[in-house]
Amino acid sequence: YLAKAINYAVTEGAEVINISYSALKDEYKASEFKDLESAIKRAIAADVCVVASAGNDGSSKPRYPAAFMGVIGVGATLPNNRMTAYSNRSAAVDIVAPGGQENVKMIFSTCPTTIAASGYNHGRGTSYAAPQVAGTVALMKSIHYELTPAQVLSKLKSGSTVAVKVKVGSTTRTYPLLNAGGAVRLAR
């Protein structure tokens, strides 16, 4: 269904797609993964910016769709601008944004009515961080419509004023923290 949804959004003229879902490659059926990859490639070729949550299992294994080339993968930070323990930290993470504390469901957001009858619930995770990046991307595109996904990612990174460092095995990875104002200023 995800590939169909992406194709539909592209056909209908979407400029930004937010995906709050992630899975390891082997968790997809082969045909499903191929269809998803094709849909992502189609979106990127149409200059649609695809933003995806990186996942919440604290792993350095890439999860998809965030790990596809051209997708802006989003990890999660704590209020003190440090990476959360639950946020994935693979090379697929391009940028990080607030995602909520480990044991506190602190971000209020919309959700399926199967989770909360009102359609609103508190939560945490990279799925809460990714929409903040997607919203910033939408603002950037509203200022400079012609920005390509690669240019958008470059400006998101350049607009960041805080680097979040995380130890992954024997190496240290550095991720830019979303600075919406900085990124939007660079979009002009």
C-alpha atoms as a PDB file:
ATOM      1  CA  TYR A   1       0.000   0.000   0.000  1.00  0.00           C
ATOM      2  CA  LEU A   2       2.852   2.397   0.687  1.00  0.00           C
ATOM      3  CA  ALA A   3       4.084   2.328  -2.919  1.00  0.00           C
ATOM      4  CA  LYS A   4       0.529   2.959  -4.159  1.00  0.00           C
ATOM      5  CA  ALA A   5       0.149   5.886  -1.761  1.00  0.00           C
ATOM      6  CA  ILE A   6       3.429   7.429  -2.917  1.00  0.00           C
ATOM      7  CA  ASN A   7       2.489   6.998  -6.586  1.00  0.00           C
ATOM      8  CA  TYR A   8      -0.915   8.543  -5.912  1.00  0.00           C
ATOM      9  CA  ALA A   9       0.652  11.538  -4.141  1.00  0.00           C
ATOM     10  CA  VAL A  10       3.073  12.104  -7.026  1.00  0.00           C
ATOM     11  CA  THR A  11       0.282  11.809  -9.610  1.00  0.00           C
ATOM     12  CA  GLU A  12      -1.828  14.312  -7.670  1.00  0.00           C
ATOM     13  CA  GLY A  13       1.009  16.860  -7.581  1.00  0.00           C
ATOM     14  CA  ALA A  14       2.373  16.537  -4.054  1.00  0.00           C
ATOM     15  CA  GLU A  15       5.580  18.469  -3.416  1.00  0.00           C
ATOM     16  CA  VAL A  16       6.412  16.858  -0.065  1.00  0.00           C
ATOM     17  CA  ILE A  17       5.601  13.372   1.219  1.00  0.00           C
ATOM     18  CA  ASN A  18       6.026  12.442   4.880  1.00  0.00           C
ATOM     19  CA  ILE A  19       6.323   8.731   5.694  1.00  0.00           C
ATOM     20  CA  SER A  20       6.144   7.732   9.337  1.00  0.00           C
ATOM     21  CA  TYR A  21       6.947   4.078   8.760  1.00  0.00           C
ATOM     22  CA  SER A  22      10.135   2.034   8.602  1.00  0.00           C
ATOM     23  CA  ALA A  23      11.171  -1.584   8.214  1.00  0.00           C
ATOM     24  CA  LEU A  24      14.292  -3.609   7.532  1.00  0.00           C
ATOM     25  CA  LYS A  25      14.705  -4.675   3.914  1.00  0.00           C
ATOM     26  CA  ASP A  26      14.067  -8.332   4.737  1.00  0.00           C
ATOM     27  CA  GLU A  27      10.779  -7.440   6.447  1.00  0.00           C
ATOM     28  CA  TYR A  28       9.315  -6.580   3.045  1.00  0.00           C
ATOM     29  CA  LYS A  29       8.234  -9.112   0.457  1.00  0.00           C
ATOM     30  CA  ALA A  30      10.620  -8.895  -2.531  1.00  0.00           C
ATOM     31  CA  SER A  31       7.923  -7.539  -4.859  1.00  0.00           C
ATOM     32  CA  GLU A  32       6.754  -5.067  -2.215  1.00  0.00           C
ATOM     33  CA  PHE A  33      10.291  -3.745  -1.729  1.00  0.00           C
ATOM     34  CA  LYS A  34      10.795  -3.414  -5.498  1.00  0.00           C
ATOM     35  CA  ASP A  35       7.500  -1.529  -5.869  1.00  0.00           C
ATOM     36  CA  LEU A  36       8.413   0.771  -2.987  1.00  0.00           C
ATOM     37  CA  GLU A  37      11.836   1.471  -4.461  1.00  0.00           C
ATOM     38  CA  SER A  38      10.260   2.255  -7.851  1.00  0.00           C
ATOM     39  CA  ALA A  39       7.733   4.609  -6.255  1.00  0.00           C
ATOM     40  CA  ILE A  40      10.472   6.428  -4.340  1.00  0.00           C
ATOM     41  CA  LYS A  41      12.580   6.777  -7.501  1.00  0.00           C
ATOM     42  CA  ARG A  42       9.578   8.127  -9.367  1.00  0.00           C
ATOM     43  CA  ALA A  43       8.911  10.683  -6.623  1.00  0.00           C
ATOM     44  CA  ILE A  44      12.530  11.861  -6.490  1.00  0.00           C
ATOM     45  CA  ALA A  45      12.693  12.092 -10.313  1.00  0.00           C
ATOM     46  CA  ALA A  46       9.591  14.314 -10.164  1.00  0.00           C
ATOM     47  CA  ASP A  47      11.374  16.567  -7.601  1.00  0.00           C
ATOM     48  CA  VAL A  48       9.028  15.497  -4.823  1.00  0.00           C
ATOM     49  CA  CYS A  49      10.765  15.665  -1.450  1.00  0.00           C
ATOM     50  CA  VAL A  50      10.259  12.422   0.471  1.00  0.00           C
ATOM     51  CA  VAL A  51      10.833  12.603   4.228  1.00  0.00           C
ATOM     52  CA  ALA A  52      10.805   9.369   6.262  1.00  0.00           C
ATOM     53  CA  SER A  53      11.227   8.373   9.883  1.00  0.00           C
ATOM     54  CA  ALA A  54      14.353   6.305  10.532  1.00  0.00           C
ATOM     55  CA  GLY A  55      12.828   3.895  13.048  1.00  0.00           C
ATOM     56  CA  ASN A  56      12.732   3.400  16.799  1.00  0.00           C
ATOM     57  CA  ASP A  57      14.808   0.367  17.691  1.00  0.00           C
ATOM     58  CA  GLY A  58      18.100   2.152  18.476  1.00  0.00           C
ATOM     59  CA  SER A  59      19.804   0.252  15.683  1.00  0.00           C
ATOM     60  CA  SER A  60      22.471   1.169  13.170  1.00  0.00           C
ATOM     61  CA  LYS A  61      20.828  -1.080  10.563  1.00  0.00           C
ATOM     62  CA  PRO A  62      19.234   0.895   7.717  1.00  0.00           C
ATOM     63  CA  ARG A  63      15.463   0.882   7.589  1.00  0.00           C
ATOM     64  CA  TYR A  64      13.354   1.633   4.560  1.00  0.00           C
ATOM     65  CA  PRO A  65      12.034   3.852   3.063  1.00  0.00           C
ATOM     66  CA  ALA A  66      14.408   6.227   4.915  1.00  0.00           C
ATOM     67  CA  ALA A  67      17.437   4.353   3.534  1.00  0.00           C
ATOM     68  CA  PHE A  68      16.493   4.777  -0.125  1.00  0.00           C
ATOM     69  CA  MET A  69      18.711   7.144  -2.091  1.00  0.00           C
ATOM     70  CA  GLY A  70      17.224  10.629  -2.173  1.00  0.00           C
ATOM     71  CA  VAL A  71      14.897  10.171   0.818  1.00  0.00           C
ATOM     72  CA  ILE A  72      15.469  12.511   3.770  1.00  0.00           C
ATOM     73  CA  GLY A  73      15.836  10.135   6.733  1.00  0.00           C
ATOM     74  CA  VAL A  74      14.947  11.594  10.136  1.00  0.00           C
ATOM     75  CA  GLY A  75      16.165  10.536  13.572  1.00  0.00           C
ATOM     76  CA  ALA A  76      14.876  11.775  16.946  1.00  0.00           C
ATOM     77  CA  THR A  77      16.386  13.941  19.667  1.00  0.00           C
ATOM     78  CA  LEU A  78      15.606  14.696  23.276  1.00  0.00           C
ATOM     79  CA  PRO A  79      14.791  18.200  24.608  1.00  0.00           C
ATOM     80  CA  ASN A  80      18.517  18.620  25.434  1.00  0.00           C
ATOM     81  CA  ASN A  81      19.449  18.140  21.737  1.00  0.00           C
ATOM     82  CA  ARG A  82      20.926  14.672  22.251  1.00  0.00           C
ATOM     83  CA  MET A  83      19.966  11.625  20.233  1.00  0.00           C
ATOM     84  CA  THR A  84      17.352   9.443  21.896  1.00  0.00           C
ATOM     85  CA  ALA A  85      18.255   5.884  22.819  1.00  0.00           C
ATOM     86  CA  TYR A  86      15.369   4.581  20.716  1.00  0.00           C
ATOM     87  CA  SER A  87      16.221   6.502  17.520  1.00  0.00           C
ATOM     88  CA  ASN A  88      17.939   4.552  14.792  1.00  0.00           C
ATOM     89  CA  ARG A  89      21.383   5.881  13.939  1.00  0.00           C
ATOM     90  CA  SER A  90      22.197   4.358  10.595  1.00  0.00           C
ATOM     91  CA  ALA A  91      23.791   6.143   7.675  1.00  0.00           C
ATOM     92  CA  ALA A  92      20.211   6.610   6.396  1.00  0.00           C
ATOM     93  CA  VAL A  93      19.669   9.350   8.995  1.00  0.00           C
ATOM     94  CA  ASP A  94      20.242  12.686   7.280  1.00  0.00           C
ATOM     95  CA  ILE A  95      18.916  15.007   9.974  1.00  0.00           C
ATOM     96  CA  VAL A  96      17.409  14.821  13.467  1.00  0.00           C
ATOM     97  CA  ALA A  97      14.499  16.638  15.099  1.00  0.00           C
ATOM     98  CA  PRO A  98      12.712  16.490  18.473  1.00  0.00           C
ATOM     99  CA  GLY A  99      11.024  13.143  18.959  1.00  0.00           C
ATOM    100  CA  GLY A 100      10.264  12.980  22.666  1.00  0.00           C
ATOM    101  CA  GLN A 101      11.813  11.376  25.708  1.00  0.00           C
ATOM    102  CA  GLU A 102      12.225   7.629  26.057  1.00  0.00           C
ATOM    103  CA  ASN A 103       9.649   7.004  28.757  1.00  0.00           C
ATOM    104  CA  VAL A 104       7.438  10.044  28.271  1.00  0.00           C
ATOM    105  CA  LYS A 105       4.835  10.360  25.547  1.00  0.00           C
ATOM    106  CA  MET A 106       5.183  14.101  25.302  1.00  0.00           C
ATOM    107  CA  ILE A 107       4.313  15.109  21.745  1.00  0.00           C
ATOM    108  CA  PHE A 108       0.628  15.629  20.996  1.00  0.00           C
ATOM    109  CA  SER A 109      -0.280  14.644  17.458  1.00  0.00           C
ATOM    110  CA  THR A 110      -2.969  13.280  15.214  1.00  0.00           C
ATOM    111  CA  CYS A 111      -3.277   9.515  14.994  1.00  0.00           C
ATOM    112  CA  PRO A 112      -5.581   6.846  13.607  1.00  0.00           C
ATOM    113  CA  THR A 113      -8.866   6.570  15.474  1.00  0.00           C
ATOM    114  CA  THR A 114      -7.990   2.909  16.096  1.00  0.00           C
ATOM    115  CA  ILE A 115      -5.349   4.230  18.527  1.00  0.00           C
ATOM    116  CA  ALA A 116      -7.406   7.033  20.082  1.00  0.00           C
ATOM    117  CA  ALA A 117     -11.078   7.636  19.306  1.00  0.00           C
ATOM    118  CA  SER A 118     -10.518  11.409  19.199  1.00  0.00           C
ATOM    119  CA  GLY A 119      -7.835  11.115  16.518  1.00  0.00           C
ATOM    120  CA  TYR A 120      -5.285  12.759  18.845  1.00  0.00           C
ATOM    121  CA  ASN A 121      -2.751  11.156  21.149  1.00  0.00           C
ATOM    122  CA  HIS A 122       0.521  11.759  22.970  1.00  0.00           C
ATOM    123  CA  GLY A 123       3.507   9.826  21.726  1.00  0.00           C
ATOM    124  CA  ARG A 124       7.192   9.800  20.900  1.00  0.00           C
ATOM    125  CA  GLY A 125       9.433   8.504  18.149  1.00  0.00           C
ATOM    126  CA  THR A 126      11.010   9.273  14.817  1.00  0.00           C
ATOM    127  CA  SER A 127       7.478   9.381  13.418  1.00  0.00           C
ATOM    128  CA  TYR A 128       7.012  12.539  15.480  1.00  0.00           C
ATOM    129  CA  ALA A 129      10.322  14.018  14.328  1.00  0.00           C
ATOM    130  CA  ALA A 130       9.818  13.436  10.591  1.00  0.00           C
ATOM    131  CA  PRO A 131       6.732  15.684  10.204  1.00  0.00           C
ATOM    132  CA  GLN A 132       8.695  18.597  11.646  1.00  0.00           C
ATOM    133  CA  VAL A 133      11.216  18.160   8.853  1.00  0.00           C
ATOM    134  CA  ALA A 134       8.449  17.677   6.268  1.00  0.00           C
ATOM    135  CA  GLY A 135       6.762  20.889   7.432  1.00  0.00           C
ATOM    136  CA  THR A 136      10.036  22.762   7.113  1.00  0.00           C
ATOM    137  CA  VAL A 137      10.517  21.339   3.627  1.00  0.00           C
ATOM    138  CA  ALA A 138       7.017  22.522   2.671  1.00  0.00           C
ATOM    139  CA  LEU A 139       7.899  26.033   3.841  1.00  0.00           C
ATOM    140  CA  MET A 140      11.137  25.898   1.841  1.00  0.00           C
ATOM    141  CA  LYS A 141       9.283  24.770  -1.283  1.00  0.00           C
ATOM    142  CA  SER A 142       6.698  27.534  -0.796  1.00  0.00           C
ATOM    143  CA  ILE A 143       9.511  30.081  -1.002  1.00  0.00           C
ATOM    144  CA  HIS A 144      11.499  28.432  -3.792  1.00  0.00           C
ATOM    145  CA  TYR A 145       9.301  25.979  -5.677  1.00  0.00           C
ATOM    146  CA  GLU A 146      12.086  24.741  -7.979  1.00  0.00           C
ATOM    147  CA  LEU A 147      14.258  23.294  -5.201  1.00  0.00           C
ATOM    148  CA  THR A 148      15.180  19.693  -5.908  1.00  0.00           C
ATOM    149  CA  PRO A 149      15.220  17.073  -3.133  1.00  0.00           C
ATOM    150  CA  ALA A 150      19.048  17.190  -3.097  1.00  0.00           C
ATOM    151  CA  GLN A 151      19.042  20.984  -2.791  1.00  0.00           C
ATOM    152  CA  VAL A 152      16.454  20.823  -0.017  1.00  0.00           C
ATOM    153  CA  LEU A 153      18.562  18.327   1.943  1.00  0.00           C
ATOM    154  CA  SER A 154      21.668  20.452   1.469  1.00  0.00           C
ATOM    155  CA  LYS A 155      19.856  23.531   2.797  1.00  0.00           C
ATOM    156  CA  LEU A 156      18.368  21.599   5.704  1.00  0.00           C
ATOM    157  CA  LYS A 157      21.862  20.528   6.713  1.00  0.00           C
ATOM    158  CA  SER A 158      23.429  23.957   6.101  1.00  0.00           C
ATOM    159  CA  GLY A 159      20.676  25.676   8.078  1.00  0.00           C
ATOM    160  CA  SER A 160      21.437  23.605  11.166  1.00  0.00           C
ATOM    161  CA  THR A 161      23.400  25.282  13.941  1.00  0.00           C
ATOM    162  CA  VAL A 162      23.663  22.267  16.249  1.00  0.00           C
ATOM    163  CA  ALA A 163      25.481  19.003  15.558  1.00  0.00           C
ATOM    164  CA  VAL A 164      24.262  15.923  17.410  1.00  0.00           C
ATOM    165  CA  LYS A 165      27.059  13.388  17.924  1.00  0.00           C
ATOM    166  CA  VAL A 166      26.364   9.728  18.568  1.00  0.00           C
ATOM    167  CA  LYS A 167      28.710   6.830  19.182  1.00  0.00           C
ATOM    168  CA  VAL A 168      27.899   3.955  16.820  1.00  0.00           C
ATOM    169  CA  GLY A 169      30.181   1.025  17.491  1.00  0.00           C
ATOM    170  CA  SER A 170      33.745   2.329  17.299  1.00  0.00           C
ATOM    171  CA  THR A 171      32.818   5.405  15.235  1.00  0.00           C
ATOM    172  CA  THR A 172      31.089   8.668  15.972  1.00  0.00           C
ATOM    173  CA  ARG A 173      28.348   9.890  13.659  1.00  0.00           C
ATOM    174  CA  THR A 174      27.295  13.512  13.510  1.00  0.00           C
ATOM    175  CA  TYR A 175      23.789  14.541  12.514  1.00  0.00           C
ATOM    176  CA  PRO A 176      22.525  18.084  11.961  1.00  0.00           C
ATOM    177  CA  LEU A 177      19.636  19.132  14.212  1.00  0.00           C
ATOM    178  CA  LEU A 178      16.709  20.662  12.344  1.00  0.00           C
ATOM    179  CA  ASN A 179      16.716  24.452  12.421  1.00  0.00           C
ATOM    180  CA  ALA A 180      13.542  25.339  10.539  1.00  0.00           C
ATOM    181  CA  GLY A 181      14.285  29.063  10.471  1.00  0.00           C
ATOM    182  CA  GLY A 182      17.797  28.554   9.178  1.00  0.00           C
ATOM    183  CA  ALA A 183      16.667  26.174   6.443  1.00  0.00           C
ATOM    184  CA  VAL A 184      13.823  28.431   5.326  1.00  0.00           C
ATOM    185  CA  ARG A 185      16.151  31.454   5.167  1.00  0.00           C
ATOM    186  CA  LEU A 186      18.480  29.461   2.908  1.00  0.00           C
ATOM    187  CA  ALA A 187      15.591  28.568   0.601  1.00  0.00           C
ATOM    188  CA  ARG A 188      15.238  32.164  -0.617  1.00  0.00           C
END
